[in-house]
Protein backbone atom coordinates (compact mmCIF):
# COMPACT_ATOMS: atom_id res chain seq x y z
CA MET A 1 46.46 -36.51 0.17
CA SER A 2 47.67 -32.96 -0.67
CA GLY A 3 45.44 -32.97 -3.77
CA THR A 4 42.42 -33.74 -1.59
CA THR A 5 43.34 -30.91 0.79
CA LYS A 6 43.70 -28.44 -2.06
CA LYS A 7 40.38 -29.49 -3.49
CA ARG A 8 38.67 -29.10 -0.14
CA ASP A 9 40.35 -25.72 0.45
CA GLY A 10 39.26 -24.59 -3.02
CA ARG A 11 35.67 -25.42 -2.28
CA GLY A 12 36.00 -23.60 1.04
CA ARG A 13 37.38 -20.47 -0.60
CA LEU A 14 34.61 -20.53 -3.23
CA GLY A 15 31.98 -20.95 -0.56
CA SER A 16 33.40 -18.06 1.45
CA THR A 17 33.48 -15.86 -1.64
CA LEU A 18 29.88 -16.68 -2.53
CA SER A 19 28.67 -16.14 1.03
CA GLY A 20 30.43 -12.76 1.17
CA LEU A 21 28.86 -11.81 -2.16
CA ALA A 22 25.43 -12.85 -0.90
CA VAL A 23 25.82 -10.68 2.19
CA ALA A 24 27.00 -7.71 0.11
CA VAL A 25 24.14 -7.97 -2.37
CA GLY A 26 21.70 -8.54 0.48
CA CYS A 27 22.87 -5.38 2.23
CA VAL A 28 22.41 -3.35 -0.96
CA LEU A 29 18.88 -4.68 -1.46
CA PHE A 30 17.89 -4.32 2.18
CA LEU A 31 19.28 -0.83 2.71
CA GLY A 32 18.17 0.38 -0.72
CA GLY A 33 14.63 -0.88 -0.22
CA PHE A 34 14.46 0.49 3.31
CA ALA A 35 15.81 3.90 2.30
CA GLY A 36 13.48 4.11 -0.70
CA GLY A 37 10.50 3.19 1.43
CA ALA A 38 11.37 5.74 4.13
CA LEU A 39 11.76 8.45 1.49
CA LEU A 40 8.58 7.75 -0.49
CA TYR A 41 6.16 6.34 2.09
CA GLN A 42 4.59 7.14 5.43
CA PRO A 43 3.09 4.37 7.58
CA TYR A 44 -0.40 4.91 8.98
CA THR A 45 -2.80 3.02 11.19
CA VAL A 46 -6.42 3.30 10.05
CA PRO A 47 -8.27 4.84 13.04
CA THR A 48 -11.90 4.05 12.18
CA GLY A 49 -14.01 1.59 10.20
CA SER A 50 -15.29 4.23 7.75
CA MET A 51 -13.24 2.72 4.90
CA ALA A 52 -14.38 -0.88 5.46
CA PRO A 53 -14.23 -3.32 3.81
CA THR A 54 -11.27 -1.86 1.87
CA LEU A 55 -9.47 -0.80 5.06
CA ALA A 56 -10.51 -2.38 8.34
CA ILE A 57 -10.11 -0.49 11.58
CA GLY A 58 -6.55 -0.93 12.86
CA SER A 59 -5.13 -1.82 9.43
CA LYS A 60 -1.49 -0.85 8.86
CA VAL A 61 -0.97 0.86 5.52
CA LEU A 62 1.79 2.52 3.54
CA ALA A 63 0.77 5.85 2.05
CA GLN A 64 2.89 7.41 -0.68
CA ARG A 65 3.86 11.00 -0.06
CA ILE A 66 2.39 12.96 -2.96
CA ASP A 67 1.32 16.45 -3.91
CA GLY A 68 -2.42 17.12 -4.06
CA ASP A 69 -2.17 17.80 -7.80
CA GLU A 70 -1.36 14.11 -8.35
CA VAL A 71 -4.65 12.87 -6.89
CA ARG A 72 -7.10 11.13 -9.23
CA ARG A 73 -10.64 9.85 -8.84
CA GLY A 74 -10.73 6.52 -7.05
CA ASP A 75 -7.65 7.24 -4.91
CA VAL A 76 -7.76 6.56 -1.18
CA VAL A 77 -5.99 9.51 0.40
CA VAL A 78 -4.79 10.75 3.77
CA PHE A 79 -5.67 14.41 4.30
CA GLU A 80 -5.86 17.01 7.05
CA ASP A 81 -8.45 19.78 6.88
CA PRO A 82 -9.13 22.26 9.72
CA LEU A 83 -12.88 22.20 9.04
CA TRP A 84 -12.90 18.40 9.39
CA GLY A 85 -11.07 18.36 12.71
CA ASN A 86 -7.49 19.02 11.55
CA SER A 87 -6.39 15.44 12.18
CA PRO A 88 -5.34 12.80 9.61
CA MET A 89 -8.36 11.22 7.93
CA VAL A 90 -8.60 8.49 5.27
CA LYS A 91 -11.29 8.66 2.54
CA ARG A 92 -11.78 7.84 -1.13
CA VAL A 93 -11.81 10.57 -3.78
CA VAL A 94 -14.96 10.18 -5.90
CA ALA A 95 -14.96 13.53 -7.70
CA ILE A 96 -12.53 16.34 -8.51
CA GLY A 97 -12.78 20.05 -9.30
CA GLY A 98 -15.46 20.81 -11.90
CA ASP A 99 -17.31 17.50 -11.43
CA THR A 100 -20.94 17.24 -10.48
CA VAL A 101 -21.41 14.27 -8.18
CA ALA A 102 -24.87 12.98 -7.31
CA CYS A 103 -26.64 10.11 -5.63
CA CYS A 104 -28.46 8.10 -6.23
CA GLY A 105 -29.50 6.91 -9.68
CA ASP A 106 -32.32 4.47 -10.27
CA ASP A 107 -29.98 1.57 -9.53
CA GLY A 108 -28.61 3.15 -6.36
CA ARG A 109 -25.26 4.06 -7.90
CA LEU A 110 -23.24 7.23 -7.55
CA THR A 111 -22.97 9.36 -10.70
CA VAL A 112 -20.13 11.65 -11.71
CA ASN A 113 -21.06 14.10 -14.48
CA GLY A 114 -24.01 11.84 -15.21
CA THR A 115 -21.92 8.66 -15.53
CA PRO A 116 -22.95 5.85 -13.14
CA ILE A 117 -20.02 4.55 -11.09
CA GLU A 118 -19.75 0.88 -10.20
CA GLU A 119 -18.20 0.62 -6.72
CA PRO A 120 -17.37 -3.03 -6.00
CA TYR A 121 -16.36 -2.33 -2.39
CA LEU A 122 -19.86 -1.24 -1.30
CA GLN A 123 -21.69 -3.59 1.03
CA PRO A 124 -25.39 -4.56 0.64
CA GLY A 125 -27.75 -2.08 2.28
CA PRO A 126 -31.07 -2.61 4.09
CA GLY A 127 -32.81 -3.29 0.76
CA GLY A 128 -30.40 -6.10 -0.09
CA GLY A 129 -28.43 -4.42 -2.87
CA PRO A 130 -25.58 -1.93 -2.50
CA ARG A 131 -26.54 1.73 -2.42
CA ALA A 132 -23.95 4.50 -2.77
CA SER A 133 -25.55 6.65 -0.07
CA GLY A 134 -28.39 6.43 2.38
CA GLU A 135 -29.44 9.97 1.53
CA ASP A 136 -29.72 11.67 -1.86
CA PHE A 137 -27.45 14.60 -2.66
CA THR A 138 -25.99 16.64 -5.51
CA ALA A 139 -22.84 18.74 -5.33
CA THR A 140 -20.57 20.56 -7.76
CA VAL A 141 -16.92 20.36 -6.73
CA PRO A 142 -15.04 23.69 -6.69
CA ALA A 143 -11.82 24.05 -8.69
CA ASP A 144 -8.70 22.45 -7.14
CA SER A 145 -10.87 20.56 -4.67
CA LEU A 146 -11.88 16.96 -3.96
CA PHE A 147 -15.14 15.28 -2.94
CA LEU A 148 -14.45 12.40 -0.52
CA LEU A 149 -16.52 9.47 0.71
CA GLY A 150 -15.79 6.53 2.97
CA ASP A 151 -16.32 3.05 1.54
CA ASP A 152 -18.67 2.22 4.43
CA ARG A 153 -21.44 4.63 3.47
CA THR A 154 -23.55 3.78 6.52
CA SER A 155 -21.02 4.97 9.13
CA SER A 156 -18.60 7.31 7.35
CA LEU A 157 -18.59 11.01 8.21
CA ASP A 158 -17.42 12.48 4.92
CA SER A 159 -18.26 15.11 2.30
CA ARG A 160 -21.97 14.38 2.74
CA THR A 161 -21.73 15.66 6.31
CA HIS A 162 -20.32 18.98 5.09
CA LEU A 163 -22.65 19.68 2.16
CA GLU A 164 -23.85 22.88 3.82
CA ASP A 165 -20.31 24.25 4.07
CA ALA A 166 -19.12 26.95 1.67
CA ALA A 167 -17.20 24.33 -0.34
CA HIS A 168 -20.26 22.01 -0.55
CA GLY A 169 -18.44 19.19 1.22
CA SER A 170 -15.22 19.41 -0.77
CA VAL A 171 -11.68 19.89 0.55
CA PRO A 172 -8.76 21.65 -1.18
CA ARG A 173 -6.26 19.42 -2.96
CA SER A 174 -3.58 21.03 -0.80
CA THR A 175 -4.93 19.20 2.27
CA VAL A 176 -3.81 15.83 0.88
CA VAL A 177 -0.57 14.56 2.41
CA ALA A 178 -0.40 11.00 1.06
CA ARG A 179 -2.15 8.35 -1.06
CA VAL A 180 -2.75 4.90 0.43
CA ASP A 181 -0.94 2.40 -1.75
CA THR A 182 -0.46 -0.87 0.11
CA ILE A 183 -1.96 -2.69 3.10
CA VAL A 184 0.86 -4.29 5.09
CA TRP A 185 -1.35 -5.64 7.88
CA PRO A 186 -3.29 -7.83 7.67
CA LEU A 187 -0.90 -9.59 5.29
CA SER A 188 -3.69 -10.53 2.88
CA GLY A 189 -4.36 -6.85 2.11
CA GLY A 190 -1.99 -6.14 -0.79
CA THR A 191 -2.33 -3.17 -3.12
CA VAL A 192 -5.33 -0.83 -2.81
CA GLU A 193 -7.09 -1.16 -6.15
CA ARG A 194 -8.46 1.73 -8.23
CA PRO A 195 -12.02 0.90 -9.42
CA ALA A 196 -12.28 0.46 -13.19
CA ALA A 197 -15.30 2.78 -13.39
CA PHE A 198 -13.16 5.75 -12.38
CA ALA A 199 -10.54 4.80 -14.97
CA ALA A 200 -13.11 5.34 -17.71
CA LEU A 201 -13.57 9.01 -16.74
CA PRO A 202 -11.39 11.79 -18.21
CA GLY A 203 -7.98 11.84 -16.51
CA GLY A 204 -8.14 8.14 -15.62
CA THR A 205 -6.79 6.79 -12.36
CA SER A 206 -3.40 6.83 -10.70
CA THR A 207 -0.97 3.91 -10.79
CA PRO A 208 0.35 2.22 -7.64
CA GLY A 209 3.73 3.35 -6.37
CA PRO A 210 6.78 1.11 -5.89
CA ALA A 211 5.78 -0.19 -2.44
CA LEU A 212 5.66 -3.87 -3.42
CA PRO A 213 9.02 -3.85 -5.27
CA LEU A 214 10.62 -2.07 -2.31
CA MET A 215 9.18 -4.58 0.16
CA THR A 216 10.33 -7.44 -2.07
CA ALA A 217 13.86 -5.97 -2.14
CA ILE A 218 13.91 -5.73 1.66
CA ALA A 219 12.71 -9.34 2.03
CA ALA A 220 15.18 -10.67 -0.56
CA GLY A 221 18.01 -8.73 1.06
CA THR A 222 17.16 -10.18 4.45
CA VAL A 223 17.22 -13.74 3.08
CA LEU A 224 20.58 -13.22 1.35
CA ILE A 225 22.15 -11.68 4.44
CA LEU A 226 20.98 -14.53 6.67
CA ALA A 227 22.02 -17.17 4.14
CA GLY A 228 25.45 -15.65 3.66
CA ALA A 229 26.03 -15.20 7.38
CA ALA A 230 25.00 -18.80 8.05
CA HIS A 231 27.57 -20.25 5.63
CA GLY A 232 30.56 -20.01 7.96
CA PRO A 233 29.01 -21.58 11.08
CA LEU A 234 27.26 -24.24 8.99
CA THR A 235 30.47 -25.21 7.18
CA THR A 236 32.40 -25.39 10.47
CA ARG A 237 29.76 -27.63 11.99
CA LEU A 238 29.70 -29.94 8.98
CA ASN A 239 33.51 -30.20 8.97
CA ARG A 240 33.52 -31.13 12.65
CA ARG A 241 31.03 -33.89 12.00
CA ALA A 242 33.07 -35.17 9.07
CA GLU A 243 36.44 -35.04 10.92
CA PRO A 244 36.10 -38.45 12.68
CA ALA A 245 35.38 -40.12 9.35
CA ARG A 246 38.46 -38.52 7.75
CA GLU A 247 40.66 -39.54 10.68
CA LYS A 248 39.35 -43.11 10.41
CA ALA A 249 40.09 -43.12 6.69
CA LYS A 250 43.69 -41.99 7.33
CA ALA A 251 44.17 -44.81 9.78
């Protein structure tokens, strides 16, 4: 009988040790992921449909805090420019300082320094096929500046609206406050992709930040904490259910 008690107590001590370890590891993952996310990212709610279908109106996104010098073609950025209303806006960078951006080529595509850009997010226009802009334009981007367009070219108020400004529609890199990295709502959003056509241009494209690993760490930490915390009450309940059977066996 004493051997059975020791065996059961041993299993109990092992279970308690493992549950405590699970809670400890879970706390490290949860707090580490949460702290890393708060340090590197800023949450935003997309205010308009100008970036549809990439970002629907009302989408919740995580934007990585970056310096304007880190921006590459193809990035979706959050910026604030006094000439554009001095409120946070979300657009896609299609050209950088020194580029000549034009629209549209014979196939309706945008060109950057004469290279046609395939933009898979564009929706079919009135003619049936996608067209990068409803109106033709050509602009040379000043140094340390960015040319920005919305993905919904039919409704977006972007660099095309400011072509007559001194900067020919461009904004300084210093106006960028963050780069949209991940869509957290709706849940099917995932990482904001960088179009391959921009990757082929000099300088390439940026790489996604650690948003998904951080979110995975937070989720895993939550599961471990809950599982570890549930061990004690679950074991107590199971022992209570098993007690009548043990008492009957003793008799």
